[in-house]
């Protein structure tokens, strides 16, 4: 997922996005590299990275798979 989260991204936002990308990939690998979970993995990574930085967000909710 290479889209910019922050419309006016500065150096801090770019660093955060990169950390989220790395964490999302780690989560993807931890789940057995299963396809179709990119959004869930990204949201979980975003939550973890921002929480680690002291920015509180609501925990991501489990989504029902689209069928």
PDB file of N, CA and C in Angstrom:
ATOM      1  N   UNK A   1       0.858  -1.166   0.000  1.00  0.00           N
ATOM      2  CA  UNK A   1       0.000   0.000   0.000  1.00  0.00           C
ATOM      3  C   UNK A   1       0.897   1.220   0.000  1.00  0.00           C
ATOM      4  N   UNK A   2       0.981   1.896  -1.118  1.00  0.00           N
ATOM      5  CA  UNK A   2       1.923   2.993  -1.207  1.00  0.00           C
ATOM      6  C   UNK A   2       1.245   4.354  -1.299  1.00  0.00           C
ATOM      7  N   UNK A   3       0.010   4.462  -0.945  1.00  0.00           N
ATOM      8  CA  UNK A   3      -0.660   5.757  -0.981  1.00  0.00           C
ATOM      9  C   UNK A   3      -0.277   6.574   0.229  1.00  0.00           C
ATOM     10  N   UNK A   4      -0.214   7.864   0.043  1.00  0.00           N
ATOM     11  CA  UNK A   4       0.118   8.746   1.155  1.00  0.00           C
ATOM     12  C   UNK A   4      -1.116   8.906   2.035  1.00  0.00           C
ATOM     13  N   UNK A   5      -0.937   8.690   3.311  1.00  0.00           N
ATOM     14  CA  UNK A   5      -2.029   8.877   4.258  1.00  0.00           C
ATOM     15  C   UNK A   5      -2.276  10.354   4.521  1.00  0.00           C
ATOM     16  N   UNK A   6      -1.246  11.116   4.453  1.00  0.00           N
ATOM     17  CA  UNK A   6      -1.312  12.506   4.854  1.00  0.00           C
ATOM     18  C   UNK A   6      -1.200  13.388   3.613  1.00  0.00           C
ATOM     19  N   UNK A   7      -2.244  14.196   3.341  1.00  0.00           N
ATOM     20  CA  UNK A   7      -2.282  15.009   2.140  1.00  0.00           C
ATOM     21  C   UNK A   7      -1.097  15.970   2.063  1.00  0.00           C
ATOM     22  N   UNK A   8      -0.747  16.587   3.163  1.00  0.00           N
ATOM     23  CA  UNK A   8       0.383  17.516   3.173  1.00  0.00           C
ATOM     24  C   UNK A   8       1.522  16.901   3.970  1.00  0.00           C
ATOM     25  N   UNK A   9       1.959  15.752   3.513  1.00  0.00           N
ATOM     26  CA  UNK A   9       2.954  14.987   4.265  1.00  0.00           C
ATOM     27  C   UNK A   9       4.281  15.724   4.339  1.00  0.00           C
ATOM     28  N   UNK A  10       4.754  15.835   5.556  1.00  0.00           N
ATOM     29  CA  UNK A  10       6.078  16.367   5.801  1.00  0.00           C
ATOM     30  C   UNK A  10       6.976  15.224   6.211  1.00  0.00           C
ATOM     31  N   UNK A  11       8.177  15.537   6.671  1.00  0.00           N
ATOM     32  CA  UNK A  11       9.113  14.470   7.035  1.00  0.00           C
ATOM     33  C   UNK A  11       8.589  13.532   8.120  1.00  0.00           C
ATOM     34  N   UNK A  12       7.908  14.054   9.124  1.00  0.00           N
ATOM     35  CA  UNK A  12       7.407  13.209  10.208  1.00  0.00           C
ATOM     36  C   UNK A  12       6.335  12.259   9.694  1.00  0.00           C
ATOM     37  N   UNK A  13       5.409  12.771   8.903  1.00  0.00           N
ATOM     38  CA  UNK A  13       4.333  11.938   8.366  1.00  0.00           C
ATOM     39  C   UNK A  13       4.877  10.856   7.445  1.00  0.00           C
ATOM     40  N   UNK A  14       5.889  11.202   6.651  1.00  0.00           N
ATOM     41  CA  UNK A  14       6.487  10.220   5.742  1.00  0.00           C
ATOM     42  C   UNK A  14       7.162   9.105   6.539  1.00  0.00           C
ATOM     43  N   UNK A  15       7.807   9.465   7.638  1.00  0.00           N
ATOM     44  CA  UNK A  15       8.451   8.463   8.489  1.00  0.00           C
ATOM     45  C   UNK A  15       7.397   7.558   9.120  1.00  0.00           C
ATOM     46  N   UNK A  16       6.315   8.159   9.618  1.00  0.00           N
ATOM     47  CA  UNK A  16       5.234   7.356  10.205  1.00  0.00           C
ATOM     48  C   UNK A  16       4.645   6.403   9.176  1.00  0.00           C
ATOM     49  N   UNK A  17       4.398   6.903   7.974  1.00  0.00           N
ATOM     50  CA  UNK A  17       3.826   6.050   6.941  1.00  0.00           C
ATOM     51  C   UNK A  17       4.760   4.885   6.622  1.00  0.00           C
ATOM     52  N   UNK A  18       6.050   5.163   6.563  1.00  0.00           N
ATOM     53  CA  UNK A  18       7.018   4.104   6.282  1.00  0.00           C
ATOM     54  C   UNK A  18       7.013   3.057   7.402  1.00  0.00           C
ATOM     55  N   UNK A  19       6.954   3.506   8.647  1.00  0.00           N
ATOM     56  CA  UNK A  19       6.891   2.572   9.779  1.00  0.00           C
ATOM     57  C   UNK A  19       5.620   1.731   9.718  1.00  0.00           C
ATOM     58  N   UNK A  20       4.515   2.343   9.314  1.00  0.00           N
ATOM     59  CA  UNK A  20       3.248   1.612   9.178  1.00  0.00           C
ATOM     60  C   UNK A  20       3.363   0.572   8.066  1.00  0.00           C
ATOM     61  N   UNK A  21       3.993   0.946   6.949  1.00  0.00           N
ATOM     62  CA  UNK A  21       4.192  -0.005   5.848  1.00  0.00           C
ATOM     63  C   UNK A  21       4.982  -1.219   6.306  1.00  0.00           C
ATOM     64  N   UNK A  22       6.059  -0.968   7.041  1.00  0.00           N
ATOM     65  CA  UNK A  22       6.892  -2.070   7.517  1.00  0.00           C
ATOM     66  C   UNK A  22       6.100  -2.959   8.468  1.00  0.00           C
ATOM     67  N   UNK A  23       5.370  -2.351   9.407  1.00  0.00           N
ATOM     68  CA  UNK A  23       4.588  -3.133  10.368  1.00  0.00           C
ATOM     69  C   UNK A  23       3.489  -3.920   9.647  1.00  0.00           C
ATOM     70  N   UNK A  24       2.831  -3.312   8.661  1.00  0.00           N
ATOM     71  CA  UNK A  24       1.777  -4.010   7.914  1.00  0.00           C
ATOM     72  C   UNK A  24       2.338  -5.241   7.208  1.00  0.00           C
ATOM     73  N   UNK A  25       3.540  -5.118   6.671  1.00  0.00           N
ATOM     74  CA  UNK A  25       4.159  -6.264   6.008  1.00  0.00           C
ATOM     75  C   UNK A  25       4.498  -7.361   7.018  1.00  0.00           C
ATOM     76  N   UNK A  26       4.967  -6.965   8.193  1.00  0.00           N
ATOM     77  CA  UNK A  26       5.254  -7.945   9.243  1.00  0.00           C
ATOM     78  C   UNK A  26       3.980  -8.684   9.653  1.00  0.00           C
ATOM     79  N   UNK A  27       2.881  -7.944   9.773  1.00  0.00           N
ATOM     80  CA  UNK A  27       1.596  -8.559  10.130  1.00  0.00           C
ATOM     81  C   UNK A  27       1.150  -9.503   9.019  1.00  0.00           C
ATOM     82  N   UNK A  28       1.304  -9.072   7.775  1.00  0.00           N
ATOM     83  CA  UNK A  28       0.970  -9.895   6.607  1.00  0.00           C
ATOM     84  C   UNK A  28       1.735 -11.222   6.663  1.00  0.00           C
ATOM     85  N   UNK A  29       3.018 -11.147   6.952  1.00  0.00           N
ATOM     86  CA  UNK A  29       3.830 -12.364   7.034  1.00  0.00           C
ATOM     87  C   UNK A  29       3.410 -13.224   8.223  1.00  0.00           C
ATOM     88  N   UNK A  30       3.107 -12.588   9.350  1.00  0.00           N
ATOM     89  CA  UNK A  30       2.700 -13.319  10.549  1.00  0.00           C
ATOM     90  C   UNK A  30       1.405 -14.093  10.312  1.00  0.00           C
ATOM     91  N   UNK A  31       0.541 -13.550   9.458  1.00  0.00           N
ATOM     92  CA  UNK A  31      -0.717 -14.233   9.142  1.00  0.00           C
ATOM     93  C   UNK A  31      -0.559 -15.234   7.999  1.00  0.00           C
ATOM     94  N   UNK A  32       0.665 -15.596   7.686  1.00  0.00           N
ATOM     95  CA  UNK A  32       0.901 -16.609   6.662  1.00  0.00           C
ATOM     96  C   UNK A  32       0.826 -16.076   5.254  1.00  0.00           C
ATOM     97  N   UNK A  33       1.061 -14.781   5.077  1.00  0.00           N
ATOM     98  CA  UNK A  33       1.056 -14.129   3.759  1.00  0.00           C
ATOM     99  C   UNK A  33      -0.254 -14.354   3.015  1.00  0.00           C
ATOM    100  N   UNK A  34      -1.350 -14.342   3.776  1.00  0.00           N
ATOM    101  CA  UNK A  34      -2.672 -14.546   3.177  1.00  0.00           C
ATOM    102  C   UNK A  34      -3.105 -13.311   2.403  1.00  0.00           C
ATOM    103  N   UNK A  35      -3.583 -13.542   1.204  1.00  0.00           N
ATOM    104  CA  UNK A  35      -4.104 -12.457   0.366  1.00  0.00           C
ATOM    105  C   UNK A  35      -5.474 -12.017   0.876  1.00  0.00           C
ATOM    106  N   UNK A  36      -5.875 -10.799   0.528  1.00  0.00           N
ATOM    107  CA  UNK A  36      -7.206 -10.319   0.863  1.00  0.00           C
ATOM    108  C   UNK A  36      -7.325  -9.692   2.237  1.00  0.00           C
ATOM    109  N   UNK A  37      -6.209  -9.470   2.922  1.00  0.00           N
ATOM    110  CA  UNK A  37      -6.244  -8.884   4.260  1.00  0.00           C
ATOM    111  C   UNK A  37      -5.479  -7.568   4.325  1.00  0.00           C
ATOM    112  N   UNK A  38      -5.182  -6.986   3.179  1.00  0.00           N
ATOM    113  CA  UNK A  38      -4.335  -5.790   3.148  1.00  0.00           C
ATOM    114  C   UNK A  38      -4.888  -4.665   4.019  1.00  0.00           C
ATOM    115  N   UNK A  39      -6.171  -4.390   3.916  1.00  0.00           N
ATOM    116  CA  UNK A  39      -6.758  -3.297   4.702  1.00  0.00           C
ATOM    117  C   UNK A  39      -6.698  -3.621   6.194  1.00  0.00           C
ATOM    118  N   UNK A  40      -7.060  -4.830   6.570  1.00  0.00           N
ATOM    119  CA  UNK A  40      -7.007  -5.216   7.985  1.00  0.00           C
ATOM    120  C   UNK A  40      -5.587  -5.128   8.528  1.00  0.00           C
ATOM    121  N   UNK A  41      -4.622  -5.623   7.748  1.00  0.00           N
ATOM    122  CA  UNK A  41      -3.225  -5.582   8.181  1.00  0.00           C
ATOM    123  C   UNK A  41      -2.747  -4.137   8.302  1.00  0.00           C
ATOM    124  N   UNK A  42      -3.132  -3.282   7.346  1.00  0.00           N
ATOM    125  CA  UNK A  42      -2.735  -1.873   7.376  1.00  0.00           C
ATOM    126  C   UNK A  42      -3.324  -1.169   8.598  1.00  0.00           C
ATOM    127  N   UNK A  43      -4.613  -1.383   8.838  1.00  0.00           N
ATOM    128  CA  UNK A  43      -5.250  -0.716   9.975  1.00  0.00           C
ATOM    129  C   UNK A  43      -4.655  -1.176  11.300  1.00  0.00           C
ATOM    130  N   UNK A  44      -4.346  -2.465  11.408  1.00  0.00           N
ATOM    131  CA  UNK A  44      -3.715  -2.974  12.619  1.00  0.00           C
ATOM    132  C   UNK A  44      -2.329  -2.350  12.797  1.00  0.00           C
ATOM    133  N   UNK A  45      -1.576  -2.272  11.717  1.00  0.00           N
ATOM    134  CA  UNK A  45      -0.239  -1.681  11.767  1.00  0.00           C
ATOM    135  C   UNK A  45      -0.313  -0.202  12.139  1.00  0.00           C
ATOM    136  N   UNK A  46      -1.255   0.500  11.552  1.00  0.00           N
ATOM    137  CA  UNK A  46      -1.432   1.920  11.854  1.00  0.00           C
ATOM    138  C   UNK A  46      -1.752   2.104  13.337  1.00  0.00           C
ATOM    139  N   UNK A  47      -2.636   1.290  13.852  1.00  0.00           N
ATOM    140  CA  UNK A  47      -3.010   1.353  15.259  1.00  0.00           C
ATOM    141  C   UNK A  47      -1.796   1.104  16.150  1.00  0.00           C
ATOM    142  N   UNK A  48      -1.029   0.059  15.846  1.00  0.00           N
ATOM    143  CA  UNK A  48       0.123  -0.295  16.666  1.00  0.00           C
ATOM    144  C   UNK A  48       1.200   0.785  16.644  1.00  0.00           C
ATOM    145  N   UNK A  49       1.522   1.293  15.460  1.00  0.00           N
ATOM    146  CA  UNK A  49       2.580   2.302  15.336  1.00  0.00           C
ATOM    147  C   UNK A  49       2.172   3.592  16.034  1.00  0.00           C
ATOM    148  N   UNK A  50       0.944   4.040  15.809  1.00  0.00           N
ATOM    149  CA  UNK A  50       0.513   5.289  16.432  1.00  0.00           C
ATOM    150  C   UNK A  50       0.390   5.139  17.945  1.00  0.00           C
ATOM    151  N   UNK A  51      -0.071   3.986  18.407  1.00  0.00           N
ATOM    152  CA  UNK A  51      -0.152   3.737  19.850  1.00  0.00           C
ATOM    153  C   UNK A  51       1.245   3.764  20.461  1.00  0.00           C
ATOM    154  N   UNK A  52       2.192   3.163  19.763  1.00  0.00           N
ATOM    155  CA  UNK A  52       3.584   3.145  20.215  1.00  0.00           C
ATOM    156  C   UNK A  52       4.143   4.569  20.336  1.00  0.00           C
ATOM    157  N   UNK A  53       3.653   5.471  19.490  1.00  0.00           N
ATOM    158  CA  UNK A  53       4.109   6.867  19.502  1.00  0.00           C
ATOM    159  C   UNK A  53       3.321   7.718  20.499  1.00  0.00           C
ATOM    160  N   UNK A  54       2.344   7.100  21.175  1.00  0.00           N
ATOM    161  CA  UNK A  54       1.555   7.829  22.157  1.00  0.00           C
ATOM    162  C   UNK A  54       0.346   8.532  21.581  1.00  0.00           C
ATOM    163  N   UNK A  55      -0.025   8.170  20.365  1.00  0.00           N
ATOM    164  CA  UNK A  55      -1.212   8.735  19.715  1.00  0.00           C
ATOM    165  C   UNK A  55      -2.302   7.688  19.826  1.00  0.00           C
ATOM    166  N   UNK A  56      -3.349   7.999  20.599  1.00  0.00           N
ATOM    167  CA  UNK A  56      -4.363   6.975  20.840  1.00  0.00           C
ATOM    168  C   UNK A  56      -5.450   7.008  19.774  1.00  0.00           C
ATOM    169  N   UNK A  57      -5.814   5.829  19.330  1.00  0.00           N
ATOM    170  CA  UNK A  57      -6.897   5.621  18.373  1.00  0.00           C
ATOM    171  C   UNK A  57      -7.751   4.475  18.888  1.00  0.00           C
ATOM    172  N   UNK A  58      -8.940   4.374  18.385  1.00  0.00           N
ATOM    173  CA  UNK A  58      -9.775   3.214  18.706  1.00  0.00           C
ATOM    174  C   UNK A  58      -9.152   1.994  18.032  1.00  0.00           C
ATOM    175  N   UNK A  59      -9.182   0.861  18.706  1.00  0.00           N
ATOM    176  CA  UNK A  59      -8.649  -0.372  18.125  1.00  0.00           C
ATOM    177  C   UNK A  59      -9.430  -0.716  16.864  1.00  0.00           C
ATOM    178  N   UNK A  60      -8.739  -1.200  15.825  1.00  0.00           N
ATOM    179  CA  UNK A  60      -9.447  -1.558  14.600  1.00  0.00           C
ATOM    180  C   UNK A  60     -10.410  -2.706  14.854  1.00  0.00           C
ATOM    181  N   UNK A  61     -11.577  -2.605  14.255  1.00  0.00           N
ATOM    182  CA  UNK A  61     -12.580  -3.666  14.408  1.00  0.00           C
ATOM    183  C   UNK A  61     -12.357  -4.728  13.357  1.00  0.00           C
ATOM    184  N   UNK A  62     -12.703  -5.950  13.708  1.00  0.00           N
ATOM    185  CA  UNK A  62     -12.610  -7.051  12.759  1.00  0.00           C
ATOM    186  C   UNK A  62     -13.704  -6.868  11.721  1.00  0.00           C
ATOM    187  N   UNK A  63     -13.324  -6.935  10.459  1.00  0.00           N
ATOM    188  CA  UNK A  63     -14.298  -6.789   9.389  1.00  0.00           C
ATOM    189  C   UNK A  63     -14.785  -8.156   8.948  1.00  0.00           C
ATOM    190  N   UNK A  64     -16.011  -8.213   8.524  1.00  0.00           N
ATOM    191  CA  UNK A  64     -16.570  -9.440   7.958  1.00  0.00           C
ATOM    192  C   UNK A  64     -16.083  -9.514   6.526  1.00  0.00           C
ATOM    193  N   UNK A  65     -15.476 -10.640   6.116  1.00  0.00           N
ATOM    194  CA  UNK A  65     -14.976 -10.744   4.749  1.00  0.00           C
ATOM    195  C   UNK A  65     -16.092 -10.548   3.722  1.00  0.00           C
ATOM    196  N   UNK A  66     -15.767  -9.862   2.652  1.00  0.00           N
ATOM    197  CA  UNK A  66     -16.709  -9.677   1.558  1.00  0.00           C
ATOM    198  C   UNK A  66     -16.851 -10.972   0.799  1.00  0.00           C
ATOM    199  N   UNK A  67     -18.063 -11.348   0.493  1.00  0.00           N
ATOM    200  CA  UNK A  67     -18.305 -12.584  -0.261  1.00  0.00           C
ATOM    201  C   UNK A  67     -19.083 -12.296  -1.497  1.00  0.00           C
TER     202      UNK A  67
END
